[in-house]
Amino acid sequence: TLLQRLYEEAAQVFRFDGFAVALCQGNGCKEYRIVMAIED
C-alpha cells in the first residue's frame, strides 16, 4: 500500500515515464531488489 501511494503521489508532482523503487539487501548493498517497477 505504501509503494502504491508513493507512486500515485509522485505522479502528481513529477513528470516521468518510468518509476521504480529498489531496496538494499545486506551490508554494503551488494545486491538489491526492485520492489516496484512501473512504465506508462
PDB file of all heavy atoms in Angstrom:
ATOM      1  N   THR A   1       0.837  -1.209   0.000  1.00  0.00           N
ATOM      2  CA  THR A   1       0.000   0.000   0.000  1.00  0.00           C
ATOM      3  C   THR A   1       0.868   1.253   0.000  1.00  0.00           C
ATOM      4  O   THR A   1       0.590   2.230  -0.706  1.00  0.00           O
ATOM      5  CB  THR A   1      -0.921   0.019   1.229  1.00  0.00           C
ATOM      6  OG1 THR A   1      -1.704  -1.162   1.248  1.00  0.00           O
ATOM      7  CG2 THR A   1      -1.830   1.243   1.211  1.00  0.00           C
ATOM      8  N   LEU A   2       1.933   1.212   0.795  1.00  0.00           N
ATOM      9  CA  LEU A   2       2.854   2.352   0.857  1.00  0.00           C
ATOM     10  C   LEU A   2       3.449   2.650  -0.516  1.00  0.00           C
ATOM     11  O   LEU A   2       3.482   3.802  -0.960  1.00  0.00           O
ATOM     12  CB  LEU A   2       3.957   2.068   1.873  1.00  0.00           C
ATOM     13  CG  LEU A   2       4.972   3.192   2.141  1.00  0.00           C
ATOM     14  CD1 LEU A   2       5.492   3.109   3.558  1.00  0.00           C
ATOM     15  CD2 LEU A   2       6.139   3.147   1.165  1.00  0.00           C
ATOM     16  N   LEU A   3       3.907   1.591  -1.207  1.00  0.00           N
ATOM     17  CA  LEU A   3       4.527   1.780  -2.520  1.00  0.00           C
ATOM     18  C   LEU A   3       3.523   2.327  -3.530  1.00  0.00           C
ATOM     19  O   LEU A   3       3.853   3.200  -4.342  1.00  0.00           O
ATOM     20  CB  LEU A   3       5.114   0.460  -3.018  1.00  0.00           C
ATOM     21  CG  LEU A   3       6.320  -0.077  -2.249  1.00  0.00           C
ATOM     22  CD1 LEU A   3       6.703  -1.453  -2.757  1.00  0.00           C
ATOM     23  CD2 LEU A   3       7.499   0.885  -2.356  1.00  0.00           C
ATOM     24  N   GLN A   4       2.307   1.832  -3.483  1.00  0.00           N
ATOM     25  CA  GLN A   4       1.285   2.309  -4.411  1.00  0.00           C
ATOM     26  C   GLN A   4       0.967   3.774  -4.164  1.00  0.00           C
ATOM     27  O   GLN A   4       0.849   4.566  -5.107  1.00  0.00           O
ATOM     28  CB  GLN A   4       0.016   1.465  -4.282  1.00  0.00           C
ATOM     29  CG  GLN A   4      -1.069   1.802  -5.297  1.00  0.00           C
ATOM     30  CD  GLN A   4      -0.629   1.581  -6.727  1.00  0.00           C
ATOM     31  OE1 GLN A   4       0.167   0.693  -7.012  1.00  0.00           O
ATOM     32  NE2 GLN A   4      -1.137   2.413  -7.632  1.00  0.00           N
ATOM     33  N   ARG A   5       0.857   4.146  -2.886  1.00  0.00           N
ATOM     34  CA  ARG A   5       0.600   5.557  -2.569  1.00  0.00           C
ATOM     35  C   ARG A   5       1.781   6.419  -2.977  1.00  0.00           C
ATOM     36  O   ARG A   5       1.624   7.545  -3.463  1.00  0.00           O
ATOM     37  CB  ARG A   5       0.323   5.710  -1.074  1.00  0.00           C
ATOM     38  CG  ARG A   5      -1.028   5.152  -0.644  1.00  0.00           C
ATOM     39  CD  ARG A   5      -1.264   5.373   0.851  1.00  0.00           C
ATOM     40  NE  ARG A   5      -2.533   4.806   1.281  1.00  0.00           N
ATOM     41  CZ  ARG A   5      -2.944   4.798   2.546  1.00  0.00           C
ATOM     42  NH1 ARG A   5      -2.176   5.322   3.503  1.00  0.00           N
ATOM     43  NH2 ARG A   5      -4.109   4.268   2.867  1.00  0.00           N
ATOM     44  N   LEU A   6       2.988   5.909  -2.772  1.00  0.00           N
ATOM     45  CA  LEU A   6       4.195   6.637  -3.163  1.00  0.00           C
ATOM     46  C   LEU A   6       4.180   6.934  -4.654  1.00  0.00           C
ATOM     47  O   LEU A   6       4.454   8.066  -5.087  1.00  0.00           O
ATOM     48  CB  LEU A   6       5.434   5.821  -2.801  1.00  0.00           C
ATOM     49  CG  LEU A   6       6.799   6.430  -3.119  1.00  0.00           C
ATOM     50  CD1 LEU A   6       7.026   7.698  -2.325  1.00  0.00           C
ATOM     51  CD2 LEU A   6       7.915   5.424  -2.843  1.00  0.00           C
ATOM     52  N   TYR A   7       3.835   5.923  -5.438  1.00  0.00           N
ATOM     53  CA  TYR A   7       3.766   6.096  -6.899  1.00  0.00           C
ATOM     54  C   TYR A   7       2.685   7.098  -7.297  1.00  0.00           C
ATOM     55  O   TYR A   7       2.918   8.005  -8.098  1.00  0.00           O
ATOM     56  CB  TYR A   7       3.508   4.746  -7.567  1.00  0.00           C
ATOM     57  CG  TYR A   7       3.097   4.870  -9.008  1.00  0.00           C
ATOM     58  CD1 TYR A   7       4.011   5.260  -9.985  1.00  0.00           C
ATOM     59  CD2 TYR A   7       1.782   4.615  -9.396  1.00  0.00           C
ATOM     60  CE1 TYR A   7       3.623   5.394 -11.305  1.00  0.00           C
ATOM     61  CE2 TYR A   7       1.382   4.741 -10.714  1.00  0.00           C
ATOM     62  CZ  TYR A   7       2.309   5.132 -11.670  1.00  0.00           C
ATOM     63  OH  TYR A   7       1.916   5.260 -12.973  1.00  0.00           O
ATOM     64  N   GLU A   8       1.513   6.947  -6.729  1.00  0.00           N
ATOM     65  CA  GLU A   8       0.386   7.812  -7.104  1.00  0.00           C
ATOM     66  C   GLU A   8       0.663   9.275  -6.761  1.00  0.00           C
ATOM     67  O   GLU A   8       0.357  10.180  -7.552  1.00  0.00           O
ATOM     68  CB  GLU A   8      -0.889   7.330  -6.413  1.00  0.00           C
ATOM     69  CG  GLU A   8      -1.381   5.978  -6.920  1.00  0.00           C
ATOM     70  CD  GLU A   8      -2.517   5.421  -6.086  1.00  0.00           C
ATOM     71  OE1 GLU A   8      -2.847   6.046  -5.047  1.00  0.00           O
ATOM     72  OE2 GLU A   8      -3.078   4.371  -6.462  1.00  0.00           O
ATOM     73  N   GLU A   9       1.231   9.511  -5.587  1.00  0.00           N
ATOM     74  CA  GLU A   9       1.508  10.892  -5.184  1.00  0.00           C
ATOM     75  C   GLU A   9       2.664  11.471  -5.998  1.00  0.00           C
ATOM     76  O   GLU A   9       2.632  12.644  -6.398  1.00  0.00           O
ATOM     77  CB  GLU A   9       1.840  10.944  -3.690  1.00  0.00           C
ATOM     78  CG  GLU A   9       0.669  10.631  -2.779  1.00  0.00           C
ATOM     79  CD  GLU A   9      -0.433  11.674  -2.871  1.00  0.00           C
ATOM     80  OE1 GLU A   9      -0.126  12.848  -3.168  1.00  0.00           O
ATOM     81  OE2 GLU A   9      -1.605  11.316  -2.643  1.00  0.00           O
ATOM     82  N   ALA A  10       3.692  10.662  -6.254  1.00  0.00           N
ATOM     83  CA  ALA A  10       4.829  11.145  -7.046  1.00  0.00           C
ATOM     84  C   ALA A  10       4.389  11.515  -8.457  1.00  0.00           C
ATOM     85  O   ALA A  10       4.896  12.479  -9.050  1.00  0.00           O
ATOM     86  CB  ALA A  10       5.926  10.090  -7.104  1.00  0.00           C
ATOM     87  N   ALA A  11       3.436  10.770  -9.012  1.00  0.00           N
ATOM     88  CA  ALA A  11       2.939  11.052 -10.361  1.00  0.00           C
ATOM     89  C   ALA A  11       2.230  12.399 -10.431  1.00  0.00           C
ATOM     90  O   ALA A  11       2.136  12.999 -11.507  1.00  0.00           O
ATOM     91  CB  ALA A  11       1.992   9.939 -10.802  1.00  0.00           C
ATOM     92  N   GLN A  12       1.734  12.878  -9.297  1.00  0.00           N
ATOM     93  CA  GLN A  12       1.086  14.190  -9.252  1.00  0.00           C
ATOM     94  C   GLN A  12       2.093  15.333  -9.175  1.00  0.00           C
ATOM     95  O   GLN A  12       1.782  16.472  -9.518  1.00  0.00           O
ATOM     96  CB  GLN A  12       0.142  14.266  -8.035  1.00  0.00           C
ATOM     97  CG  GLN A  12      -0.969  13.248  -8.040  1.00  0.00           C
ATOM     98  CD  GLN A  12      -1.916  13.428  -9.203  1.00  0.00           C
ATOM     99  OE1 GLN A  12      -2.274  14.557  -9.553  1.00  0.00           O
ATOM    100  NE2 GLN A  12      -2.314  12.335  -9.816  1.00  0.00           N
ATOM    101  N   VAL A  13       3.314  15.014  -8.727  1.00  0.00           N
ATOM    102  CA  VAL A  13       4.328  16.056  -8.512  1.00  0.00           C
ATOM    103  C   VAL A  13       5.297  16.147  -9.677  1.00  0.00           C
ATOM    104  O   VAL A  13       5.669  17.234 -10.110  1.00  0.00           O
ATOM    105  CB  VAL A  13       5.113  15.786  -7.211  1.00  0.00           C
ATOM    106  CG1 VAL A  13       6.180  16.866  -6.989  1.00  0.00           C
ATOM    107  CG2 VAL A  13       4.166  15.730  -6.024  1.00  0.00           C
ATOM    108  N   PHE A  14       5.697  14.995 -10.199  1.00  0.00           N
ATOM    109  CA  PHE A  14       6.741  14.961 -11.222  1.00  0.00           C
ATOM    110  C   PHE A  14       6.199  14.422 -12.537  1.00  0.00           C
ATOM    111  O   PHE A  14       5.195  13.718 -12.579  1.00  0.00           O
ATOM    112  CB  PHE A  14       7.912  14.069 -10.758  1.00  0.00           C
ATOM    113  CG  PHE A  14       8.439  14.424  -9.391  1.00  0.00           C
ATOM    114  CD1 PHE A  14       8.154  13.623  -8.301  1.00  0.00           C
ATOM    115  CD2 PHE A  14       9.218  15.560  -9.208  1.00  0.00           C
ATOM    116  CE1 PHE A  14       8.628  13.943  -7.038  1.00  0.00           C
ATOM    117  CE2 PHE A  14       9.694  15.882  -7.952  1.00  0.00           C
ATOM    118  CZ  PHE A  14       9.401  15.080  -6.864  1.00  0.00           C
ATOM    119  N   ARG A  15       6.932  14.735 -13.600  1.00  0.00           N
ATOM    120  CA  ARG A  15       6.621  14.161 -14.912  1.00  0.00           C
ATOM    121  C   ARG A  15       7.633  13.055 -15.192  1.00  0.00           C
ATOM    122  O   ARG A  15       8.831  13.304 -15.202  1.00  0.00           O
ATOM    123  CB  ARG A  15       6.720  15.232 -15.996  1.00  0.00           C
ATOM    124  CG  ARG A  15       5.697  16.350 -15.861  1.00  0.00           C
ATOM    125  CD  ARG A  15       5.881  17.382 -16.952  1.00  0.00           C
ATOM    126  NE  ARG A  15       4.930  18.475 -16.842  1.00  0.00           N
ATOM    127  CZ  ARG A  15       4.901  19.534 -17.639  1.00  0.00           C
ATOM    128  NH1 ARG A  15       5.803  19.636 -18.608  1.00  0.00           N
ATOM    129  NH2 ARG A  15       4.004  20.479 -17.471  1.00  0.00           N
ATOM    130  N   PHE A  16       7.153  11.844 -15.411  1.00  0.00           N
ATOM    131  CA  PHE A  16       8.076  10.751 -15.702  1.00  0.00           C
ATOM    132  C   PHE A  16       7.362   9.681 -16.512  1.00  0.00           C
ATOM    133  O   PHE A  16       6.132   9.597 -16.532  1.00  0.00           O
ATOM    134  CB  PHE A  16       8.646  10.144 -14.418  1.00  0.00           C
ATOM    135  CG  PHE A  16       7.625   9.730 -13.393  1.00  0.00           C
ATOM    136  CD1 PHE A  16       6.883   8.568 -13.562  1.00  0.00           C
ATOM    137  CD2 PHE A  16       7.403  10.499 -12.255  1.00  0.00           C
ATOM    138  CE1 PHE A  16       5.938   8.183 -12.624  1.00  0.00           C
ATOM    139  CE2 PHE A  16       6.464  10.121 -11.307  1.00  0.00           C
ATOM    140  CZ  PHE A  16       5.724   8.953 -11.491  1.00  0.00           C
ATOM    141  N   ASP A  17       8.160   8.870 -17.198  1.00  0.00           N
ATOM    142  CA  ASP A  17       7.633   7.728 -17.941  1.00  0.00           C
ATOM    143  C   ASP A  17       7.758   6.442 -17.134  1.00  0.00           C
ATOM    144  O   ASP A  17       6.927   5.551 -17.239  1.00  0.00           O
ATOM    145  CB  ASP A  17       8.378   7.565 -19.273  1.00  0.00           C
ATOM    146  CG  ASP A  17       8.212   8.782 -20.171  1.00  0.00           C
ATOM    147  OD1 ASP A  17       7.077   9.254 -20.304  1.00  0.00           O
ATOM    148  OD2 ASP A  17       9.218   9.252 -20.732  1.00  0.00           O
ATOM    149  N   GLY A  18       8.856   6.340 -16.366  1.00  0.00           N
ATOM    150  CA  GLY A  18       9.096   5.141 -15.582  1.00  0.00           C
ATOM    151  C   GLY A  18       9.290   5.462 -14.113  1.00  0.00           C
ATOM    152  O   GLY A  18       9.754   6.550 -13.752  1.00  0.00           O
ATOM    153  N   PHE A  19       8.913   4.519 -13.260  1.00  0.00           N
ATOM    154  CA  PHE A  19       9.009   4.710 -11.811  1.00  0.00           C
ATOM    155  C   PHE A  19       9.467   3.398 -11.197  1.00  0.00           C
ATOM    156  O   PHE A  19       8.936   2.329 -11.516  1.00  0.00           O
ATOM    157  CB  PHE A  19       7.644   5.106 -11.249  1.00  0.00           C
ATOM    158  CG  PHE A  19       7.623   5.363  -9.772  1.00  0.00           C
ATOM    159  CD1 PHE A  19       7.893   6.627  -9.273  1.00  0.00           C
ATOM    160  CD2 PHE A  19       7.324   4.343  -8.874  1.00  0.00           C
ATOM    161  CE1 PHE A  19       7.861   6.876  -7.901  1.00  0.00           C
ATOM    162  CE2 PHE A  19       7.297   4.578  -7.507  1.00  0.00           C
ATOM    163  CZ  PHE A  19       7.567   5.860  -7.023  1.00  0.00           C
ATOM    164  N   ALA A  20      10.479   3.456 -10.337  1.00  0.00           N
ATOM    165  CA  ALA A  20      10.982   2.227  -9.720  1.00  0.00           C
ATOM    166  C   ALA A  20      11.414   2.508  -8.287  1.00  0.00           C
ATOM    167  O   ALA A  20      11.864   3.615  -7.962  1.00  0.00           O
ATOM    168  CB  ALA A  20      12.158   1.663 -10.515  1.00  0.00           C
ATOM    169  N   VAL A  21      11.273   1.488  -7.446  1.00  0.00           N
ATOM    170  CA  VAL A  21      11.753   1.536  -6.064  1.00  0.00           C
ATOM    171  C   VAL A  21      12.632   0.311  -5.846  1.00  0.00           C
ATOM    172  O   VAL A  21      12.215  -0.817  -6.153  1.00  0.00           O
ATOM    173  CB  VAL A  21      10.595   1.550  -5.056  1.00  0.00           C
ATOM    174  CG1 VAL A  21      11.139   1.549  -3.632  1.00  0.00           C
ATOM    175  CG2 VAL A  21       9.692   2.761  -5.281  1.00  0.00           C
ATOM    176  N   ALA A  22      13.838   0.551  -5.335  1.00  0.00           N
ATOM    177  CA  ALA A  22      14.765  -0.552  -5.061  1.00  0.00           C
ATOM    178  C   ALA A  22      15.165  -0.526  -3.591  1.00  0.00           C
ATOM    179  O   ALA A  22      15.375   0.545  -3.017  1.00  0.00           O
ATOM    180  CB  ALA A  22      16.004  -0.426  -5.947  1.00  0.00           C
ATOM    181  N   LEU A  23      15.283  -1.713  -2.996  1.00  0.00           N
ATOM    182  CA  LEU A  23      15.661  -1.828  -1.592  1.00  0.00           C
ATOM    183  C   LEU A  23      16.935  -2.645  -1.463  1.00  0.00           C
ATOM    184  O   LEU A  23      17.088  -3.708  -2.084  1.00  0.00           O
ATOM    185  CB  LEU A  23      14.544  -2.493  -0.787  1.00  0.00           C
ATOM    186  CG  LEU A  23      13.207  -1.740  -0.718  1.00  0.00           C
ATOM    187  CD1 LEU A  23      12.207  -2.538   0.106  1.00  0.00           C
ATOM    188  CD2 LEU A  23      13.397  -0.350  -0.141  1.00  0.00           C
ATOM    189  N   CYS A  24      17.876  -2.123  -0.646  1.00  0.00           N
ATOM    190  CA  CYS A  24      19.140  -2.816  -0.395  1.00  0.00           C
ATOM    191  C   CYS A  24      18.917  -4.093   0.407  1.00  0.00           C
ATOM    192  O   CYS A  24      18.005  -4.172   1.240  1.00  0.00           O
ATOM    193  CB  CYS A  24      20.086  -1.918   0.404  1.00  0.00           C
ATOM    194  SG  CYS A  24      21.167  -0.930  -0.627  1.00  0.00           S
ATOM    195  N   GLN A  25      19.786  -5.061   0.180  1.00  0.00           N
ATOM    196  CA  GLN A  25      19.782  -6.288   0.957  1.00  0.00           C
ATOM    197  C   GLN A  25      21.190  -6.520   1.503  1.00  0.00           C
ATOM    198  O   GLN A  25      22.143  -6.630   0.736  1.00  0.00           O
ATOM    199  CB  GLN A  25      19.376  -7.481   0.078  1.00  0.00           C
ATOM    200  CG  GLN A  25      18.016  -7.332  -0.582  1.00  0.00           C
ATOM    201  CD  GLN A  25      16.884  -7.289   0.406  1.00  0.00           C
ATOM    202  OE1 GLN A  25      16.871  -8.067   1.370  1.00  0.00           O
ATOM    203  NE2 GLN A  25      15.918  -6.402   0.189  1.00  0.00           N
ATOM    204  N   GLY A  26      21.342  -6.534   2.812  1.00  0.00           N
ATOM    205  CA  GLY A  26      22.643  -6.795   3.409  1.00  0.00           C
ATOM    206  C   GLY A  26      23.509  -5.549   3.513  1.00  0.00           C
ATOM    207  O   GLY A  26      23.209  -4.499   2.949  1.00  0.00           O
ATOM    208  N   ASN A  27      24.597  -5.681   4.260  1.00  0.00           N
ATOM    209  CA  ASN A  27      25.528  -4.574   4.444  1.00  0.00           C
ATOM    210  C   ASN A  27      26.241  -4.239   3.135  1.00  0.00           C
ATOM    211  O   ASN A  27      26.643  -5.122   2.387  1.00  0.00           O
ATOM    212  CB  ASN A  27      26.564  -4.929   5.520  1.00  0.00           C
ATOM    213  CG  ASN A  27      25.932  -5.088   6.892  1.00  0.00           C
ATOM    214  OD1 ASN A  27      24.908  -4.458   7.185  1.00  0.00           O
ATOM    215  ND2 ASN A  27      26.515  -5.951   7.731  1.00  0.00           N
ATOM    216  N   GLY A  28      26.439  -2.973   2.906  1.00  0.00           N
ATOM    217  CA  GLY A  28      27.157  -2.545   1.707  1.00  0.00           C
ATOM    218  C   GLY A  28      26.347  -2.623   0.443  1.00  0.00           C
ATOM    219  O   GLY A  28      26.827  -2.290  -0.635  1.00  0.00           O
ATOM    220  N   CYS A  29      25.117  -3.069   0.544  1.00  0.00           N
ATOM    221  CA  CYS A  29      24.213  -3.140  -0.614  1.00  0.00           C
ATOM    222  C   CYS A  29      24.857  -3.928  -1.761  1.00  0.00           C
ATOM    223  O   CYS A  29      24.978  -3.445  -2.879  1.00  0.00           O
ATOM    224  CB  CYS A  29      23.827  -1.730  -1.080  1.00  0.00           C
ATOM    225  SG  CYS A  29      22.340  -1.698  -2.113  1.00  0.00           S
ATOM    226  N   LYS A  30      25.273  -5.137  -1.474  1.00  0.00           N
ATOM    227  CA  LYS A  30      25.872  -5.988  -2.500  1.00  0.00           C
ATOM    228  C   LYS A  30      24.843  -6.441  -3.526  1.00  0.00           C
ATOM    229  O   LYS A  30      25.179  -6.821  -4.648  1.00  0.00           O
ATOM    230  CB  LYS A  30      26.538  -7.201  -1.849  1.00  0.00           C
ATOM    231  CG  LYS A  30      27.703  -6.842  -0.919  1.00  0.00           C
ATOM    232  CD  LYS A  30      28.807  -6.116  -1.658  1.00  0.00           C
ATOM    233  CE  LYS A  30      29.982  -5.816  -0.745  1.00  0.00           C
ATOM    234  NZ  LYS A  30      31.071  -5.084  -1.445  1.00  0.00           N
ATOM    235  N   GLU A  31      23.601  -6.446  -3.124  1.00  0.00           N
ATOM    236  CA  GLU A  31      22.523  -6.730  -4.052  1.00  0.00           C
ATOM    237  C   GLU A  31      21.264  -6.015  -3.563  1.00  0.00           C
ATOM    238  O   GLU A  31      21.170  -5.625  -2.398  1.00  0.00           O
ATOM    239  CB  GLU A  31      22.267  -8.235  -4.172  1.00  0.00           C
ATOM    240  CG  GLU A  31      21.825  -8.906  -2.888  1.00  0.00           C
ATOM    241  CD  GLU A  31      21.545 -10.382  -3.078  1.00  0.00           C
ATOM    242  OE1 GLU A  31      21.620 -10.862  -4.231  1.00  0.00           O
ATOM    243  OE2 GLU A  31      21.225 -11.051  -2.085  1.00  0.00           O
ATOM    244  N   TYR A  32      20.337  -5.816  -4.466  1.00  0.00           N
ATOM    245  CA  TYR A  32      19.092  -5.168  -4.079  1.00  0.00           C
ATOM    246  C   TYR A  32      17.942  -5.769  -4.870  1.00  0.00           C
ATOM    247  O   TYR A  32      18.144  -6.460  -5.886  1.00  0.00           O
ATOM    248  CB  TYR A  32      19.153  -3.648  -4.298  1.00  0.00           C
ATOM    249  CG  TYR A  32      19.362  -3.218  -5.734  1.00  0.00           C
ATOM    250  CD1 TYR A  32      18.276  -3.069  -6.601  1.00  0.00           C
ATOM    251  CD2 TYR A  32      20.630  -2.938  -6.218  1.00  0.00           C
ATOM    252  CE1 TYR A  32      18.455  -2.664  -7.902  1.00  0.00           C
ATOM    253  CE2 TYR A  32      20.820  -2.524  -7.521  1.00  0.00           C
ATOM    254  CZ  TYR A  32      19.729  -2.389  -8.367  1.00  0.00           C
ATOM    255  OH  TYR A  32      19.908  -1.994  -9.664  1.00  0.00           O
ATOM    256  N   ARG A  33      16.741  -5.495  -4.382  1.00  0.00           N
ATOM    257  CA  ARG A  33      15.542  -5.997  -5.045  1.00  0.00           C
ATOM    258  C   ARG A  33      14.692  -4.830  -5.533  1.00  0.00           C
ATOM    259  O   ARG A  33      14.497  -3.848  -4.797  1.00  0.00           O
ATOM    260  CB  ARG A  33      14.719  -6.859  -4.090  1.00  0.00           C
ATOM    261  CG  ARG A  33      13.566  -7.582  -4.797  1.00  0.00           C
ATOM    262  CD  ARG A  33      12.762  -8.407  -3.833  1.00  0.00           C
ATOM    263  NE  ARG A  33      11.742  -9.186  -4.536  1.00  0.00           N
ATOM    264  CZ  ARG A  33      10.749  -9.826  -3.938  1.00  0.00           C
ATOM    265  NH1 ARG A  33      10.653  -9.792  -2.608  1.00  0.00           N
ATOM    266  NH2 ARG A  33       9.869 -10.496  -4.635  1.00  0.00           N
ATOM    267  N   ILE A  34      14.220  -4.948  -6.756  1.00  0.00           N
ATOM    268  CA  ILE A  34      13.318  -3.935  -7.304  1.00  0.00           C
ATOM    269  C   ILE A  34      11.905  -4.303  -6.864  1.00  0.00           C
ATOM    270  O   ILE A  34      11.303  -5.256  -7.392  1.00  0.00           O
ATOM    271  CB  ILE A  34      13.415  -3.866  -8.840  1.00  0.00           C
ATOM    272  CG1 ILE A  34      14.853  -3.524  -9.256  1.00  0.00           C
ATOM    273  CG2 ILE A  34      12.431  -2.829  -9.391  1.00  0.00           C
ATOM    274  CD1 ILE A  34      15.072  -3.513 -10.742  1.00  0.00           C
ATOM    275  N   VAL A  35      11.421  -3.582  -5.869  1.00  0.00           N
ATOM    276  CA  VAL A  35      10.114  -3.913  -5.290  1.00  0.00           C
ATOM    277  C   VAL A  35       8.953  -3.238  -6.020  1.00  0.00           C
ATOM    278  O   VAL A  35       7.793  -3.576  -5.779  1.00  0.00           O
ATOM    279  CB  VAL A  35      10.086  -3.531  -3.795  1.00  0.00           C
ATOM    280  CG1 VAL A  35      11.068  -4.392  -3.011  1.00  0.00           C
ATOM    281  CG2 VAL A  35      10.397  -2.043  -3.598  1.00  0.00           C
ATOM    282  N   MET A  36       9.272  -2.299  -6.901  1.00  0.00           N
ATOM    283  CA  MET A  36       8.240  -1.711  -7.753  1.00  0.00           C
ATOM    284  C   MET A  36       8.897  -1.214  -9.028  1.00  0.00           C
ATOM    285  O   MET A  36       9.934  -0.550  -8.989  1.00  0.00           O
ATOM    286  CB  MET A  36       7.504  -0.559  -7.055  1.00  0.00           C
ATOM    287  CG  MET A  36       6.536   0.191  -7.975  1.00  0.00           C
ATOM    288  SD  MET A  36       5.484   1.386  -7.120  1.00  0.00           S
ATOM    289  CE  MET A  36       4.148   0.327  -6.597  1.00  0.00           C
ATOM    290  N   ALA A  37       8.305  -1.546 -10.171  1.00  0.00           N
ATOM    291  CA  ALA A  37       8.781  -1.057 -11.469  1.00  0.00           C
ATOM    292  C   ALA A  37       7.574  -0.824 -12.361  1.00  0.00           C
ATOM    293  O   ALA A  37       6.874  -1.756 -12.733  1.00  0.00           O
ATOM    294  CB  ALA A  37       9.740  -2.055 -12.105  1.00  0.00           C
ATOM    295  N   ILE A  38       7.326   0.430 -12.687  1.00  0.00           N
ATOM    296  CA  ILE A  38       6.143   0.799 -13.475  1.00  0.00           C
ATOM    297  C   ILE A  38       6.582   1.648 -14.666  1.00  0.00           C
ATOM    298  O   ILE A  38       7.419   2.551 -14.535  1.00  0.00           O
ATOM    299  CB  ILE A  38       5.140   1.590 -12.616  1.00  0.00           C
ATOM    300  CG1 ILE A  38       4.602   0.695 -11.490  1.00  0.00           C
ATOM    301  CG2 ILE A  38       3.986   2.117 -13.473  1.00  0.00           C
ATOM    302  CD1 ILE A  38       3.645   1.399 -10.554  1.00  0.00           C
ATOM    303  N   GLU A  39       6.028   1.357 -15.797  1.00  0.00           N
ATOM    304  CA  GLU A  39       6.289   2.153 -17.001  1.00  0.00           C
ATOM    305  C   GLU A  39       4.972   2.405 -17.703  1.00  0.00           C
ATOM    306  O   GLU A  39       4.203   1.465 -17.955  1.00  0.00           O
ATOM    307  CB  GLU A  39       7.257   1.425 -17.932  1.00  0.00           C
ATOM    308  CG  GLU A  39       7.718   2.275 -19.106  1.00  0.00           C
ATOM    309  CD  GLU A  39       8.832   1.605 -19.891  1.00  0.00           C
ATOM    310  OE1 GLU A  39       9.925   1.424 -19.336  1.00  0.00           O
ATOM    311  OE2 GLU A  39       8.580   1.247 -21.057  1.00  0.00           O
ATOM    312  N   ASP A  40       4.717   3.670 -18.015  1.00  0.00           N
ATOM    313  CA  ASP A  40       3.453   4.067 -18.643  1.00  0.00           C
ATOM    314  C   ASP A  40       2.242   3.543 -17.869  1.00  0.00           C
ATOM    315  O   ASP A  40       1.247   3.109 -18.445  1.00  0.00           O
ATOM    316  CB  ASP A  40       3.394   3.572 -20.092  1.00  0.00           C
ATOM    317  CG  ASP A  40       4.451   4.227 -20.967  1.00  0.00           C
ATOM    318  OD1 ASP A  40       4.802   5.385 -20.686  1.00  0.00           O
ATOM    319  OD2 ASP A  40       4.932   3.577 -21.908  1.00  0.00           O
TER     320      ASP A  40
END
